[in-house]
Amino acid sequence: MAKKTKEPLLEIVDLKKHFDLGGTLRKKKILTAVDGVTFTIYKGETFGLVGESGCGKTTTGRTIIRLYNPTGGKILYEGVDLATLNNKQMFPFRRKIQMIFQDPYASLNTRMTVTDIIGEGIDTHNLLQGKERQERIFELLEKVGLKREHANRYPHEFSGGQRQRIGIARSLAINPDLIICDEPISALDVSIQAQVVNMLEDLQEEFDLTYLFIAHDLSMVRHISDRIGVMYLGKLMEITTSDELYDNPRHPYTKSLLSSIPIPDPRSSIRESRIILEGDVGNPINPKPGCRFASRCRYAKDRCRQETPELVEIEPDHFVACHFVDEIND
């Protein structure tokens, strides 16, 4: 069973990932996809990362695993700063950190059999060979709800849900400690999503895994996460425990997100509490100083448009980036 501790496994400190979009010498266009993100993931827990499409969730995950090289900041894995390592030095850490990708159709090589897809990491790290390798692949297929006879088939012979299960088996093949789940259920049918999430929870307990769970489905994130971070345009707006976030949201953006969760009864009075955001979404290209949410926040003041708020602990384990958080929540 996964043991949750207060021992940090991954510490992200002021992480930045900017993309140079060109432009002129006088004015370069810089896309600030991730712009100073800080959070900690403890061993055995699931840390959820939520926000609108384009807020930088996936870029954060890909930068942590070094699919993207960070522009700045630290990625401390058990005290080692991955941001400073070259490809050769990163090699042993790639066994410790794996990723489940969002699109099960694009993330599997159509020319490879399931055996080759799952076994690729085993071969790369020279873990098992021959019969032991094949038995490991069979074992992983059964762990994710597939059968041994599926091993010699190709990705096009499977449904989306089955493909994602293959992707999950691939991520488990080299016994990682941390798995970055990049919206692993968003491309799946609703009828299958719960099955995959329940399977991820079972695997976490069995293999003592730690998850970074990236998603925009707030109800599903609450189900699986111990703590949640809310992102908006490359910045973290709020971090706290799952129950605290849903029961006592403090940032205006978090409140608007939670109010948008669909409810089963459309006649319910809860619908009257919907928060409709007005104003324009800020531009992540060469952003102006101030709070990224200021252009859509009904509480915004001059200070919000001039000074970027820091992520501050307002209560134990509850962090909020808002200049007027106490005034708003009186």
C-alpha atoms as a PDB file:
ATOM      1  CA  MET A   1       0.000   0.000   0.000  1.00  0.00           C
ATOM      2  CA  ALA A   2       1.285   3.470  -0.920  1.00  0.00           C
ATOM      3  CA  LYS A   3       2.659   5.180   2.175  1.00  0.00           C
ATOM      4  CA  LYS A   4       2.039   8.927   2.236  1.00  0.00           C
ATOM      5  CA  THR A   5       4.727  10.865   4.050  1.00  0.00           C
ATOM      6  CA  LYS A   6       5.816  14.450   4.540  1.00  0.00           C
ATOM      7  CA  GLU A   7       9.152  13.591   2.944  1.00  0.00           C
ATOM      8  CA  PRO A   8       9.559  15.597  -0.281  1.00  0.00           C
ATOM      9  CA  LEU A   9      10.131  13.543  -3.413  1.00  0.00           C
ATOM     10  CA  LEU A  10       9.962  16.426  -5.880  1.00  0.00           C
ATOM     11  CA  GLU A  11      10.437  20.132  -5.133  1.00  0.00           C
ATOM     12  CA  ILE A  12       9.725  22.643  -7.886  1.00  0.00           C
ATOM     13  CA  VAL A  13      11.235  26.061  -7.138  1.00  0.00           C
ATOM     14  CA  ASP A  14      10.450  29.098  -9.304  1.00  0.00           C
ATOM     15  CA  LEU A  15      10.226  26.919 -12.430  1.00  0.00           C
ATOM     16  CA  LYS A  16      10.058  28.810 -15.730  1.00  0.00           C
ATOM     17  CA  LYS A  17       9.621  27.671 -19.311  1.00  0.00           C
ATOM     18  CA  HIS A  18       9.571  30.388 -21.944  1.00  0.00           C
ATOM     19  CA  PHE A  19       9.384  29.863 -25.702  1.00  0.00           C
ATOM     20  CA  ASP A  20      11.053  32.288 -28.092  1.00  0.00           C
ATOM     21  CA  LEU A  21       8.552  33.055 -30.879  1.00  0.00           C
ATOM     22  CA  GLY A  22      10.911  35.334 -32.776  1.00  0.00           C
ATOM     23  CA  GLY A  23      10.000  38.926 -33.456  1.00  0.00           C
ATOM     24  CA  THR A  24      12.316  41.859 -34.040  1.00  0.00           C
ATOM     25  CA  LEU A  25      15.576  42.745 -32.296  1.00  0.00           C
ATOM     26  CA  ARG A  26      13.794  45.545 -30.481  1.00  0.00           C
ATOM     27  CA  LYS A  27      10.854  43.453 -29.405  1.00  0.00           C
ATOM     28  CA  LYS A  28      11.174  39.713 -29.175  1.00  0.00           C
ATOM     29  CA  LYS A  29       8.039  37.649 -28.679  1.00  0.00           C
ATOM     30  CA  ILE A  30       8.432  35.441 -25.617  1.00  0.00           C
ATOM     31  CA  LEU A  31       5.669  33.002 -24.679  1.00  0.00           C
ATOM     32  CA  THR A  32       5.760  32.606 -20.879  1.00  0.00           C
ATOM     33  CA  ALA A  33       4.120  29.173 -20.685  1.00  0.00           C
ATOM     34  CA  VAL A  34       5.345  28.539 -17.127  1.00  0.00           C
ATOM     35  CA  ASP A  35       6.462  31.592 -15.192  1.00  0.00           C
ATOM     36  CA  GLY A  36       7.747  31.041 -11.676  1.00  0.00           C
ATOM     37  CA  VAL A  37       5.904  27.961 -10.391  1.00  0.00           C
ATOM     38  CA  THR A  38       6.746  26.560  -6.945  1.00  0.00           C
ATOM     39  CA  PHE A  39       5.294  23.457  -5.267  1.00  0.00           C
ATOM     40  CA  THR A  40       6.317  20.241  -3.504  1.00  0.00           C
ATOM     41  CA  ILE A  41       5.169  16.657  -4.041  1.00  0.00           C
ATOM     42  CA  TYR A  42       5.569  14.288  -1.109  1.00  0.00           C
ATOM     43  CA  LYS A  43       6.298  10.577  -1.381  1.00  0.00           C
ATOM     44  CA  GLY A  44       3.202   8.443  -1.860  1.00  0.00           C
ATOM     45  CA  GLU A  45       0.765  11.282  -2.529  1.00  0.00           C
ATOM     46  CA  THR A  46      -1.131  12.439  -5.590  1.00  0.00           C
ATOM     47  CA  PHE A  47      -0.674  16.115  -6.388  1.00  0.00           C
ATOM     48  CA  GLY A  48      -3.325  17.425  -8.768  1.00  0.00           C
ATOM     49  CA  LEU A  49      -2.595  20.284 -11.163  1.00  0.00           C
ATOM     50  CA  VAL A  50      -5.683  21.942 -12.651  1.00  0.00           C
ATOM     51  CA  GLY A  51      -6.622  24.951 -14.740  1.00  0.00           C
ATOM     52  CA  GLU A  52      -8.007  26.032 -18.093  1.00  0.00           C
ATOM     53  CA  SER A  53      -6.548  24.777 -21.365  1.00  0.00           C
ATOM     54  CA  GLY A  54      -3.402  26.745 -22.146  1.00  0.00           C
ATOM     55  CA  CYS A  55      -2.567  27.588 -18.538  1.00  0.00           C
ATOM     56  CA  GLY A  56       0.759  25.700 -18.623  1.00  0.00           C
ATOM     57  CA  LYS A  57      -0.144  22.431 -16.869  1.00  0.00           C
ATOM     58  CA  THR A  58       1.234  20.102 -19.533  1.00  0.00           C
ATOM     59  CA  THR A  59       4.299  22.286 -20.115  1.00  0.00           C
ATOM     60  CA  THR A  60       5.023  22.077 -16.395  1.00  0.00           C
ATOM     61  CA  GLY A  61       4.886  18.278 -16.504  1.00  0.00           C
ATOM     62  CA  ARG A  62       7.040  18.036 -19.618  1.00  0.00           C
ATOM     63  CA  THR A  63       9.608  20.430 -18.177  1.00  0.00           C
ATOM     64  CA  ILE A  64       9.827  18.443 -14.943  1.00  0.00           C
ATOM     65  CA  ILE A  65      10.622  15.266 -16.886  1.00  0.00           C
ATOM     66  CA  ARG A  66      13.003  17.298 -19.092  1.00  0.00           C
ATOM     67  CA  LEU A  67      11.211  16.782 -22.385  1.00  0.00           C
ATOM     68  CA  TYR A  68      11.553  20.571 -22.371  1.00  0.00           C
ATOM     69  CA  ASN A  69      14.651  22.218 -20.943  1.00  0.00           C
ATOM     70  CA  PRO A  70      13.669  24.754 -18.263  1.00  0.00           C
ATOM     71  CA  THR A  71      14.305  28.450 -18.802  1.00  0.00           C
ATOM     72  CA  GLY A  72      14.900  28.962 -15.093  1.00  0.00           C
ATOM     73  CA  GLY A  73      14.261  27.595 -11.624  1.00  0.00           C
ATOM     74  CA  LYS A  74      15.011  24.302  -9.900  1.00  0.00           C
ATOM     75  CA  ILE A  75      13.634  20.756 -10.263  1.00  0.00           C
ATOM     76  CA  LEU A  76      14.805  19.025  -7.101  1.00  0.00           C
ATOM     77  CA  TYR A  77      14.276  15.254  -7.194  1.00  0.00           C
ATOM     78  CA  GLU A  78      15.357  13.793  -3.842  1.00  0.00           C
ATOM     79  CA  GLY A  79      17.621  16.828  -3.507  1.00  0.00           C
ATOM     80  CA  VAL A  80      19.228  16.591  -6.972  1.00  0.00           C
ATOM     81  CA  ASP A  81      18.535  19.540  -9.292  1.00  0.00           C
ATOM     82  CA  LEU A  82      17.486  17.929 -12.584  1.00  0.00           C
ATOM     83  CA  ALA A  83      17.495  21.334 -14.282  1.00  0.00           C
ATOM     84  CA  THR A  84      21.307  21.397 -14.187  1.00  0.00           C
ATOM     85  CA  LEU A  85      21.894  17.904 -15.623  1.00  0.00           C
ATOM     86  CA  ASN A  86      22.891  17.055 -19.183  1.00  0.00           C
ATOM     87  CA  ASN A  87      21.306  14.151 -21.084  1.00  0.00           C
ATOM     88  CA  LYS A  88      23.859  11.612 -19.854  1.00  0.00           C
ATOM     89  CA  GLN A  89      23.431  12.683 -16.240  1.00  0.00           C
ATOM     90  CA  MET A  90      19.629  12.594 -16.628  1.00  0.00           C
ATOM     91  CA  PHE A  91      19.610   8.978 -17.833  1.00  0.00           C
ATOM     92  CA  PRO A  92      19.316   7.249 -14.418  1.00  0.00           C
ATOM     93  CA  PHE A  93      16.565   9.684 -13.362  1.00  0.00           C
ATOM     94  CA  ARG A  94      14.468   8.800 -16.406  1.00  0.00           C
ATOM     95  CA  ARG A  95      13.993   5.410 -14.812  1.00  0.00           C
ATOM     96  CA  LYS A  96      12.659   7.067 -11.652  1.00  0.00           C
ATOM     97  CA  ILE A  97      10.226   9.431 -13.427  1.00  0.00           C
ATOM     98  CA  GLN A  98       7.814   8.286 -16.139  1.00  0.00           C
ATOM     99  CA  MET A  99       4.900   9.908 -17.961  1.00  0.00           C
ATOM    100  CA  ILE A 100       1.446   8.878 -19.147  1.00  0.00           C
ATOM    101  CA  PHE A 101       0.538  11.052 -22.123  1.00  0.00           C
ATOM    102  CA  GLN A 102      -2.827  12.612 -22.859  1.00  0.00           C
ATOM    103  CA  ASP A 103      -3.485  11.240 -26.342  1.00  0.00           C
ATOM    104  CA  PRO A 104      -3.413   7.420 -26.488  1.00  0.00           C
ATOM    105  CA  TYR A 105      -3.546   7.599 -30.282  1.00  0.00           C
ATOM    106  CA  ALA A 106      -0.471   9.804 -30.727  1.00  0.00           C
ATOM    107  CA  SER A 107       1.682   8.477 -27.872  1.00  0.00           C
ATOM    108  CA  LEU A 108       2.060   4.892 -29.158  1.00  0.00           C
ATOM    109  CA  ASN A 109       4.263   4.010 -32.128  1.00  0.00           C
ATOM    110  CA  THR A 110       1.928   2.422 -34.685  1.00  0.00           C
ATOM    111  CA  ARG A 111       4.782   0.343 -36.152  1.00  0.00           C
ATOM    112  CA  MET A 112       5.625  -1.356 -32.877  1.00  0.00           C
ATOM    113  CA  THR A 113       3.833  -4.264 -31.236  1.00  0.00           C
ATOM    114  CA  VAL A 114       2.609  -3.982 -27.647  1.00  0.00           C
ATOM    115  CA  THR A 115       5.555  -6.137 -26.562  1.00  0.00           C
ATOM    116  CA  ASP A 116       8.018  -3.726 -28.160  1.00  0.00           C
ATOM    117  CA  ILE A 117       6.232  -0.645 -26.756  1.00  0.00           C
ATOM    118  CA  ILE A 118       6.214  -1.902 -23.166  1.00  0.00           C
ATOM    119  CA  GLY A 119       9.625  -3.526 -23.445  1.00  0.00           C
ATOM    120  CA  GLU A 120      11.395  -0.479 -24.879  1.00  0.00           C
ATOM    121  CA  GLY A 121      12.198   1.001 -21.468  1.00  0.00           C
ATOM    122  CA  ILE A 122      13.264  -2.400 -20.143  1.00  0.00           C
ATOM    123  CA  ASP A 123      15.714  -2.717 -23.044  1.00  0.00           C
ATOM    124  CA  THR A 124      16.963   0.879 -22.785  1.00  0.00           C
ATOM    125  CA  HIS A 125      17.873   0.438 -19.117  1.00  0.00           C
ATOM    126  CA  ASN A 126      19.028  -3.174 -19.662  1.00  0.00           C
ATOM    127  CA  LEU A 127      16.829  -4.541 -16.868  1.00  0.00           C
ATOM    128  CA  LEU A 128      15.596  -7.902 -18.154  1.00  0.00           C
ATOM    129  CA  GLN A 129      16.187 -10.178 -21.119  1.00  0.00           C
ATOM    130  CA  GLY A 130      14.661 -13.199 -22.801  1.00  0.00           C
ATOM    131  CA  LYS A 131      11.960 -15.085 -20.933  1.00  0.00           C
ATOM    132  CA  GLU A 132      12.100 -12.801 -17.871  1.00  0.00           C
ATOM    133  CA  ARG A 133      11.478  -9.770 -20.083  1.00  0.00           C
ATOM    134  CA  GLN A 134       8.491 -11.409 -21.755  1.00  0.00           C
ATOM    135  CA  GLU A 135       7.000 -12.518 -18.440  1.00  0.00           C
ATOM    136  CA  ARG A 136       7.344  -8.975 -17.116  1.00  0.00           C
ATOM    137  CA  ILE A 137       5.418  -7.670 -20.128  1.00  0.00           C
ATOM    138  CA  PHE A 138       2.689 -10.290 -19.653  1.00  0.00           C
ATOM    139  CA  GLU A 139       2.464  -9.374 -15.952  1.00  0.00           C
ATOM    140  CA  LEU A 140       2.086  -5.663 -16.739  1.00  0.00           C
ATOM    141  CA  LEU A 141      -0.616  -6.310 -19.336  1.00  0.00           C
ATOM    142  CA  GLU A 142      -2.628  -8.251 -16.780  1.00  0.00           C
ATOM    143  CA  LYS A 143      -2.086  -5.517 -14.174  1.00  0.00           C
ATOM    144  CA  VAL A 144      -3.746  -2.966 -16.463  1.00  0.00           C
ATOM    145  CA  GLY A 145      -6.659  -5.214 -17.424  1.00  0.00           C
ATOM    146  CA  LEU A 146      -5.411  -6.615 -20.742  1.00  0.00           C
ATOM    147  CA  LYS A 147      -4.531 -10.160 -21.762  1.00  0.00           C
ATOM    148  CA  ARG A 148      -1.368 -11.981 -22.759  1.00  0.00           C
ATOM    149  CA  GLU A 149      -2.602 -12.501 -26.294  1.00  0.00           C
ATOM    150  CA  HIS A 150      -2.640  -8.724 -26.744  1.00  0.00           C
ATOM    151  CA  ALA A 151       1.174  -8.629 -26.580  1.00  0.00           C
ATOM    152  CA  ASN A 152       1.748  -9.270 -30.302  1.00  0.00           C
ATOM    153  CA  ARG A 153      -0.886  -6.850 -31.587  1.00  0.00           C
ATOM    154  CA  TYR A 154      -0.417  -3.323 -32.885  1.00  0.00           C
ATOM    155  CA  PRO A 155      -1.937  -0.108 -31.450  1.00  0.00           C
ATOM    156  CA  HIS A 156      -4.494   0.273 -34.269  1.00  0.00           C
ATOM    157  CA  GLU A 157      -6.132  -2.961 -33.101  1.00  0.00           C
ATOM    158  CA  PHE A 158      -7.192  -1.425 -29.777  1.00  0.00           C
ATOM    159  CA  SER A 159      -9.774   1.071 -28.561  1.00  0.00           C
ATOM    160  CA  GLY A 160      -8.757   4.388 -26.974  1.00  0.00           C
ATOM    161  CA  GLY A 161      -9.210   3.025 -23.463  1.00  0.00           C
ATOM    162  CA  GLN A 162      -7.119  -0.047 -24.233  1.00  0.00           C
ATOM    163  CA  ARG A 163      -4.402   2.103 -25.770  1.00  0.00           C
ATOM    164  CA  GLN A 164      -4.227   4.209 -22.635  1.00  0.00           C
ATOM    165  CA  ARG A 165      -3.875   1.027 -20.588  1.00  0.00           C
ATOM    166  CA  ILE A 166      -0.902   0.094 -22.777  1.00  0.00           C
ATOM    167  CA  GLY A 167       0.569   3.537 -22.103  1.00  0.00           C
ATOM    168  CA  ILE A 168       0.110   2.981 -18.367  1.00  0.00           C
ATOM    169  CA  ALA A 169       1.789  -0.429 -18.595  1.00  0.00           C
ATOM    170  CA  ARG A 170       4.699   1.174 -20.442  1.00  0.00           C
ATOM    171  CA  SER A 171       5.117   3.759 -17.679  1.00  0.00           C
ATOM    172  CA  LEU A 172       5.248   0.992 -15.045  1.00  0.00           C
ATOM    173  CA  ALA A 173       7.712  -1.230 -16.905  1.00  0.00           C
ATOM    174  CA  ILE A 174      10.901   0.155 -15.316  1.00  0.00           C
ATOM    175  CA  ASN A 175       9.562   0.494 -11.760  1.00  0.00           C
ATOM    176  CA  PRO A 176       9.421   4.317 -11.457  1.00  0.00           C
ATOM    177  CA  ASP A 177       8.811   6.210  -8.220  1.00  0.00           C
ATOM    178  CA  LEU A 178       6.979   9.179  -9.777  1.00  0.00           C
ATOM    179  CA  ILE A 179       4.526   9.118 -12.674  1.00  0.00           C
ATOM    180  CA  ILE A 180       3.380  12.325 -14.353  1.00  0.00           C
ATOM    181  CA  CYS A 181      -0.192  11.700 -15.535  1.00  0.00           C
ATOM    182  CA  ASP A 182      -0.850  14.287 -18.248  1.00  0.00           C
ATOM    183  CA  GLU A 183      -4.651  14.368 -18.558  1.00  0.00           C
ATOM    184  CA  PRO A 184      -4.704  10.563 -18.910  1.00  0.00           C
ATOM    185  CA  ILE A 185      -8.507  10.336 -19.149  1.00  0.00           C
ATOM    186  CA  SER A 186      -9.494  13.449 -21.115  1.00  0.00           C
ATOM    187  CA  ALA A 187      -9.425  11.656 -24.491  1.00  0.00           C
ATOM    188  CA  LEU A 188     -11.454   8.674 -23.224  1.00  0.00           C
ATOM    189  CA  ASP A 189     -15.179   7.978 -23.143  1.00  0.00           C
ATOM    190  CA  VAL A 190     -16.875   8.997 -19.912  1.00  0.00           C
ATOM    191  CA  SER A 191     -17.834   5.361 -19.295  1.00  0.00           C
ATOM    192  CA  ILE A 192     -14.140   4.393 -19.241  1.00  0.00           C
ATOM    193  CA  GLN A 193     -12.696   7.333 -17.324  1.00  0.00           C
ATOM    194  CA  ALA A 194     -13.695   6.074 -13.873  1.00  0.00           C
ATOM    195  CA  GLN A 195     -12.264   2.634 -14.638  1.00  0.00           C
ATOM    196  CA  VAL A 196      -8.879   4.100 -15.569  1.00  0.00           C
ATOM    197  CA  VAL A 197      -8.771   6.381 -12.509  1.00  0.00           C
ATOM    198  CA  ASN A 198      -9.665   3.503 -10.171  1.00  0.00           C
ATOM    199  CA  MET A 199      -6.967   1.401 -11.813  1.00  0.00           C
ATOM    200  CA  LEU A 200      -4.404   4.173 -11.280  1.00  0.00           C
ATOM    201  CA  GLU A 201      -5.326   4.282  -7.591  1.00  0.00           C
ATOM    202  CA  ASP A 202      -4.934   0.507  -7.283  1.00  0.00           C
ATOM    203  CA  LEU A 203      -1.559   0.599  -9.024  1.00  0.00           C
ATOM    204  CA  GLN A 204      -0.424   3.425  -6.753  1.00  0.00           C
ATOM    205  CA  GLU A 205      -1.122   1.316  -3.682  1.00  0.00           C
ATOM    206  CA  GLU A 206       0.449  -1.824  -5.128  1.00  0.00           C
ATOM    207  CA  PHE A 207       3.662  -0.239  -6.436  1.00  0.00           C
ATOM    208  CA  ASP A 208       4.015   2.577  -3.868  1.00  0.00           C
ATOM    209  CA  LEU A 209       3.825   5.268  -6.548  1.00  0.00           C
ATOM    210  CA  THR A 210       3.686   9.044  -6.377  1.00  0.00           C
ATOM    211  CA  TYR A 211       1.577  10.911  -8.954  1.00  0.00           C
ATOM    212  CA  LEU A 212       1.502  14.351 -10.486  1.00  0.00           C
ATOM    213  CA  PHE A 213      -2.033  14.259 -11.909  1.00  0.00           C
ATOM    214  CA  ILE A 214      -2.671  16.950 -14.532  1.00  0.00           C
ATOM    215  CA  ALA A 215      -6.300  17.473 -15.529  1.00  0.00           C
ATOM    216  CA  HIS A 216      -9.100  19.940 -16.122  1.00  0.00           C
ATOM    217  CA  ASP A 217     -11.903  17.680 -14.853  1.00  0.00           C
ATOM    218  CA  LEU A 218     -12.264  19.131 -11.360  1.00  0.00           C
ATOM    219  CA  SER A 219     -14.577  16.455 -10.010  1.00  0.00           C
ATOM    220  CA  MET A 220     -12.165  13.682 -11.028  1.00  0.00           C
ATOM    221  CA  VAL A 221      -9.173  15.559  -9.619  1.00  0.00           C
ATOM    222  CA  ARG A 222     -10.896  15.824  -6.247  1.00  0.00           C
ATOM    223  CA  HIS A 223     -11.493  12.076  -6.271  1.00  0.00           C
ATOM    224  CA  ILE A 224      -7.862  11.092  -6.841  1.00  0.00           C
ATOM    225  CA  SER A 225      -5.756  13.946  -5.388  1.00  0.00           C
ATOM    226  CA  ASP A 226      -4.443  14.560  -1.889  1.00  0.00           C
ATOM    227  CA  ARG A 227      -3.454  18.157  -2.648  1.00  0.00           C
ATOM    228  CA  ILE A 228      -4.264  20.397  -5.613  1.00  0.00           C
ATOM    229  CA  GLY A 229      -2.572  23.331  -7.308  1.00  0.00           C
ATOM    230  CA  VAL A 230      -4.614  25.716  -9.466  1.00  0.00           C
ATOM    231  CA  MET A 231      -2.814  27.294 -12.451  1.00  0.00           C
ATOM    232  CA  TYR A 232      -3.696  30.312 -14.558  1.00  0.00           C
ATOM    233  CA  LEU A 233      -1.576  31.598 -17.455  1.00  0.00           C
ATOM    234  CA  GLY A 234       1.671  30.092 -16.182  1.00  0.00           C
ATOM    235  CA  LYS A 235       1.198  31.025 -12.525  1.00  0.00           C
ATOM    236  CA  LEU A 236      -0.055  29.109  -9.500  1.00  0.00           C
ATOM    237  CA  MET A 237      -3.065  30.822  -7.939  1.00  0.00           C
ATOM    238  CA  GLU A 238      -3.794  28.467  -5.038  1.00  0.00           C
ATOM    239  CA  ILE A 239      -2.467  25.283  -3.423  1.00  0.00           C
ATOM    240  CA  THR A 240      -4.098  23.310  -0.621  1.00  0.00           C
ATOM    241  CA  THR A 241      -5.551  19.919   0.251  1.00  0.00           C
ATOM    242  CA  SER A 242      -8.267  18.511  -1.959  1.00  0.00           C
ATOM    243  CA  ASP A 243     -11.051  18.823   0.619  1.00  0.00           C
ATOM    244  CA  GLU A 244      -9.988  22.315   1.656  1.00  0.00           C
ATOM    245  CA  LEU A 245      -9.910  23.540  -1.941  1.00  0.00           C
ATOM    246  CA  TYR A 246     -13.446  22.386  -2.635  1.00  0.00           C
ATOM    247  CA  ASP A 247     -14.892  23.337   0.748  1.00  0.00           C
ATOM    248  CA  ASN A 248     -13.058  26.634   1.246  1.00  0.00           C
ATOM    249  CA  PRO A 249     -11.634  28.088  -2.004  1.00  0.00           C
ATOM    250  CA  ARG A 250     -10.015  31.458  -1.400  1.00  0.00           C
ATOM    251  CA  HIS A 251      -8.794  32.713  -4.787  1.00  0.00           C
ATOM    252  CA  PRO A 252     -11.383  34.289  -7.146  1.00  0.00           C
ATOM    253  CA  TYR A 253     -10.191  32.127 -10.036  1.00  0.00           C
ATOM    254  CA  THR A 254     -10.532  28.919  -8.006  1.00  0.00           C
ATOM    255  CA  LYS A 255     -14.056  29.926  -7.028  1.00  0.00           C
ATOM    256  CA  SER A 256     -14.997  30.496 -10.663  1.00  0.00           C
ATOM    257  CA  LEU A 257     -13.556  27.121 -11.684  1.00  0.00           C
ATOM    258  CA  LEU A 258     -15.471  25.268  -8.993  1.00  0.00           C
ATOM    259  CA  SER A 259     -18.696  27.055  -9.865  1.00  0.00           C
ATOM    260  CA  SER A 260     -18.397  25.747 -13.431  1.00  0.00           C
ATOM    261  CA  ILE A 261     -18.568  22.067 -12.419  1.00  0.00           C
ATOM    262  CA  PRO A 262     -21.709  20.575 -14.036  1.00  0.00           C
ATOM    263  CA  ILE A 263     -24.464  19.553 -11.633  1.00  0.00           C
ATOM    264  CA  PRO A 264     -26.851  16.624 -12.173  1.00  0.00           C
ATOM    265  CA  ASP A 265     -30.021  18.665 -11.548  1.00  0.00           C
ATOM    266  CA  PRO A 266     -30.221  21.695 -13.868  1.00  0.00           C
ATOM    267  CA  ARG A 267     -33.069  23.131 -11.774  1.00  0.00           C
ATOM    268  CA  SER A 268     -30.926  23.197  -8.650  1.00  0.00           C
ATOM    269  CA  SER A 269     -30.449  26.548  -6.940  1.00  0.00           C
ATOM    270  CA  ILE A 270     -26.698  25.940  -7.131  1.00  0.00           C
ATOM    271  CA  ARG A 271     -26.925  27.141 -10.715  1.00  0.00           C
ATOM    272  CA  GLU A 272     -27.652  30.638  -9.395  1.00  0.00           C
ATOM    273  CA  SER A 273     -24.191  30.753  -7.807  1.00  0.00           C
ATOM    274  CA  ARG A 274     -22.389  30.346 -11.136  1.00  0.00           C
ATOM    275  CA  ILE A 275     -19.541  32.830 -11.469  1.00  0.00           C
ATOM    276  CA  ILE A 276     -19.393  34.156 -15.026  1.00  0.00           C
ATOM    277  CA  LEU A 277     -15.964  35.566 -15.796  1.00  0.00           C
ATOM    278  CA  GLU A 278     -15.949  38.735 -17.859  1.00  0.00           C
ATOM    279  CA  GLY A 279     -13.103  40.596 -19.520  1.00  0.00           C
ATOM    280  CA  ASP A 280     -10.364  39.321 -21.805  1.00  0.00           C
ATOM    281  CA  VAL A 281      -7.970  36.474 -21.110  1.00  0.00           C
ATOM    282  CA  GLY A 282      -4.485  37.865 -20.569  1.00  0.00           C
ATOM    283  CA  ASN A 283      -1.821  37.408 -23.212  1.00  0.00           C
ATOM    284  CA  PRO A 284       1.014  35.032 -22.191  1.00  0.00           C
ATOM    285  CA  ILE A 285       3.257  36.616 -24.857  1.00  0.00           C
ATOM    286  CA  ASN A 286       5.324  39.355 -23.207  1.00  0.00           C
ATOM    287  CA  PRO A 287       2.843  39.623 -20.288  1.00  0.00           C
ATOM    288  CA  LYS A 288       2.428  42.893 -18.436  1.00  0.00           C
ATOM    289  CA  PRO A 289       3.308  43.245 -14.733  1.00  0.00           C
ATOM    290  CA  GLY A 290       0.660  42.406 -12.168  1.00  0.00           C
ATOM    291  CA  CYS A 291      -1.682  39.523 -11.456  1.00  0.00           C
ATOM    292  CA  ARG A 292      -2.367  37.389 -14.544  1.00  0.00           C
ATOM    293  CA  PHE A 293      -6.022  37.106 -13.512  1.00  0.00           C
ATOM    294  CA  ALA A 294      -6.585  40.854 -13.044  1.00  0.00           C
ATOM    295  CA  SER A 295      -8.267  41.394 -16.438  1.00  0.00           C
ATOM    296  CA  ARG A 296     -11.059  38.954 -15.496  1.00  0.00           C
ATOM    297  CA  CYS A 297     -11.274  39.480 -11.741  1.00  0.00           C
ATOM    298  CA  ARG A 298     -14.202  41.509 -10.387  1.00  0.00           C
ATOM    299  CA  TYR A 299     -12.183  42.376  -7.288  1.00  0.00           C
ATOM    300  CA  ALA A 300      -9.138  43.721  -9.174  1.00  0.00           C
ATOM    301  CA  LYS A 301      -7.662  47.069  -8.103  1.00  0.00           C
ATOM    302  CA  ASP A 302      -4.795  49.185  -9.365  1.00  0.00           C
ATOM    303  CA  ARG A 303      -2.278  47.253  -7.283  1.00  0.00           C
ATOM    304  CA  CYS A 304      -3.352  44.013  -8.983  1.00  0.00           C
ATOM    305  CA  ARG A 305      -2.470  45.457 -12.403  1.00  0.00           C
ATOM    306  CA  GLN A 306       0.930  46.708 -11.275  1.00  0.00           C
ATOM    307  CA  GLU A 307       2.300  44.200  -8.765  1.00  0.00           C
ATOM    308  CA  THR A 308       2.442  40.405  -9.158  1.00  0.00           C
ATOM    309  CA  PRO A 309       1.118  38.704  -5.992  1.00  0.00           C
ATOM    310  CA  GLU A 310       3.294  36.101  -4.276  1.00  0.00           C
ATOM    311  CA  LEU A 311       2.016  32.655  -3.281  1.00  0.00           C
ATOM    312  CA  VAL A 312       1.555  33.111   0.484  1.00  0.00           C
ATOM    313  CA  GLU A 313       0.506  30.617   3.174  1.00  0.00           C
ATOM    314  CA  ILE A 314      -2.658  32.180   4.612  1.00  0.00           C
ATOM    315  CA  GLU A 315      -3.540  29.100   6.706  1.00  0.00           C
ATOM    316  CA  PRO A 316      -1.656  25.878   7.442  1.00  0.00           C
ATOM    317  CA  ASP A 317      -1.042  24.123   4.075  1.00  0.00           C
ATOM    318  CA  HIS A 318      -3.208  26.655   2.228  1.00  0.00           C
ATOM    319  CA  PHE A 319      -1.356  28.963  -0.175  1.00  0.00           C
ATOM    320  CA  VAL A 320      -2.966  31.750  -2.206  1.00  0.00           C
ATOM    321  CA  ALA A 321      -1.549  34.329  -4.646  1.00  0.00           C
ATOM    322  CA  CYS A 322      -3.872  37.313  -4.163  1.00  0.00           C
ATOM    323  CA  HIS A 323      -3.224  40.791  -2.743  1.00  0.00           C
ATOM    324  CA  PHE A 324      -6.723  41.090  -1.258  1.00  0.00           C
ATOM    325  CA  VAL A 325      -7.500  37.501  -0.249  1.00  0.00           C
ATOM    326  CA  ASP A 326      -8.622  38.488   3.277  1.00  0.00           C
ATOM    327  CA  GLU A 327     -10.824  41.310   2.020  1.00  0.00           C
ATOM    328  CA  ILE A 328     -12.475  39.103  -0.621  1.00  0.00           C
ATOM    329  CA  ASN A 329     -13.228  36.289   1.835  1.00  0.00           C
ATOM    330  CA  ASP A 330     -14.564  38.377   4.748  1.00  0.00           C
END
